[in-house]
Protein backbone atom coordinates (compact mmCIF):
# COMPACT_ATOMS: atom_id res chain seq x y z
CA ILE A 1 134.31 46.58 -35.54
CA ARG A 2 137.81 45.14 -35.67
CA MET A 3 139.35 48.54 -35.08
CA SER A 4 137.35 49.12 -31.90
CA ARG A 5 138.42 45.71 -30.57
CA TYR A 6 142.03 46.56 -31.33
CA VAL A 7 141.78 49.85 -29.49
CA GLN A 8 140.18 48.15 -26.49
CA LEU A 9 142.85 45.46 -26.40
CA SER A 10 145.65 48.00 -26.83
CA ALA A 11 144.28 50.15 -24.02
CA ALA A 12 144.11 47.12 -21.74
CA PHE A 13 147.63 46.05 -22.67
CA TRP A 14 149.17 49.44 -21.89
CA LYS A 15 147.28 49.94 -18.66
CA PRO A 16 149.78 50.82 -15.90
CA LYS A 17 150.43 47.98 -13.51
CA LEU A 18 150.15 48.49 -9.79
CA VAL A 19 152.94 47.57 -7.43
CA SER A 20 152.16 45.65 -4.28
CA PRO A 21 153.30 47.08 -0.93
CA GLU A 22 155.52 44.00 -0.51
CA GLU A 23 157.23 44.62 -3.86
CA ARG A 24 157.76 48.29 -3.00
CA GLU A 25 159.25 47.36 0.38
CA ARG A 26 161.52 44.76 -1.24
CA ILE A 27 162.86 47.29 -3.77
CA LEU A 28 163.29 49.90 -1.03
CA ASN A 29 165.37 47.45 1.01
CA ASN A 30 167.43 46.52 -2.06
CA VAL A 31 168.24 50.09 -3.10
CA THR A 32 169.17 50.95 0.48
CA LYS A 33 171.89 48.29 0.29
CA ASP A 34 172.86 48.88 -3.35
CA GLY A 35 171.63 52.01 -5.11
CA PHE A 36 172.23 50.47 -8.53
CA MET A 37 169.37 48.03 -7.86
CA LEU A 38 167.12 50.93 -8.88
CA GLN A 39 167.78 49.96 -12.49
CA PHE A 40 165.75 46.77 -11.95
CA ALA A 41 162.75 48.53 -10.40
CA SER A 42 159.54 48.99 -12.36
CA GLY A 43 158.81 52.31 -14.01
CA ILE A 44 156.32 53.15 -11.29
CA LEU A 45 158.94 52.67 -8.58
CA LYS A 46 161.51 54.71 -10.50
CA LYS A 47 159.07 57.62 -10.02
CA ASP A 48 158.80 57.00 -6.27
CA LYS A 49 160.69 59.80 -4.51
CA GLU A 50 161.36 57.77 -1.36
CA ILE A 51 162.85 54.87 -3.30
CA VAL A 52 164.98 57.07 -5.56
CA THR A 53 166.21 59.10 -2.56
CA ALA A 54 167.19 55.90 -0.74
CA ALA A 55 169.09 54.78 -3.84
CA LEU A 56 170.96 58.07 -4.21
CA ARG A 57 171.91 58.05 -0.52
CA GLU A 58 173.66 54.75 -1.14
CA ASN A 59 175.13 55.75 -4.52
CA VAL A 60 174.42 59.06 -6.22
CA SER A 61 175.04 57.48 -9.63
CA ALA A 62 171.81 55.53 -9.16
CA LEU A 63 169.98 58.72 -10.19
CA GLN A 64 170.71 57.81 -13.79
CA PHE A 65 168.01 55.14 -13.42
CA ALA A 66 165.34 57.48 -12.01
CA SER A 67 162.37 58.31 -14.21
CA PRO A 68 162.92 61.20 -16.64
CA LYS A 69 159.93 62.94 -15.08
CA LEU A 70 161.57 62.85 -11.66
CA ILE A 71 164.89 64.30 -12.82
CA LYS A 72 162.91 67.21 -14.30
CA ASP A 73 161.20 67.87 -10.94
CA LYS A 74 162.88 70.97 -9.50
CA ALA A 75 161.82 70.35 -5.90
CA PHE A 76 163.05 66.76 -6.04
CA ILE A 77 166.40 67.70 -7.58
CA ILE A 78 166.96 70.39 -4.94
CA SER A 79 166.26 67.84 -2.19
CA ALA A 80 168.59 65.36 -3.95
CA ILE A 81 171.33 68.00 -4.08
CA LYS A 82 170.93 68.51 -0.34
CA GLU A 83 171.62 64.76 0.05
CA ASN A 84 174.55 64.82 -2.36
CA ALA A 85 175.76 67.79 -4.42
CA HIS A 86 176.77 65.44 -7.24
CA SER A 87 173.05 64.88 -7.89
CA LEU A 88 173.21 67.95 -10.12
CA LYS A 89 175.02 65.82 -12.70
CA TYR A 90 171.87 63.72 -13.21
CA ALA A 91 169.36 66.57 -13.28
CA SER A 92 167.66 67.50 -16.53
CA TRP A 93 169.54 69.90 -18.79
CA ALA A 94 167.11 72.71 -17.96
CA LEU A 95 167.56 72.24 -14.20
CA ARG A 96 171.34 72.14 -14.51
CA ARG A 97 171.08 75.69 -15.87
CA ASP A 98 168.45 76.81 -13.32
CA LYS A 99 169.79 79.55 -11.04
CA ASP A 100 168.10 78.25 -7.85
CA VAL A 101 169.30 74.69 -8.43
CA VAL A 102 172.90 75.74 -9.12
CA ILE A 103 172.97 78.01 -6.06
CA GLU A 104 171.74 75.10 -3.91
CA ALA A 105 174.51 72.90 -5.28
CA LEU A 106 177.13 75.57 -4.54
CA LYS A 107 175.98 75.84 -0.91
CA ILE A 108 177.13 72.27 -0.22
């Protein structure tokens, strides 16, 4: 009985939190002014392509704070490279060796 309670409590504790539209808008405004503000965003917002793109437009180095899942997303990294070729530096190791991604970076 105790074990099932523990599992229920653990599942509730680790349940992903939702982000309000106001919070998302606030973070979007902040990263537009200072890309490094992405580091203070919640994990959910670090996966948000619009927010991460706004941050990299202001400072490409902000990509270091994007979610690991996002920097492994080939389509996202290609679009990031189109914004700034230096985005390749923050792509996952596999994408940095991907022929299509490298060719896109060389086009810039």
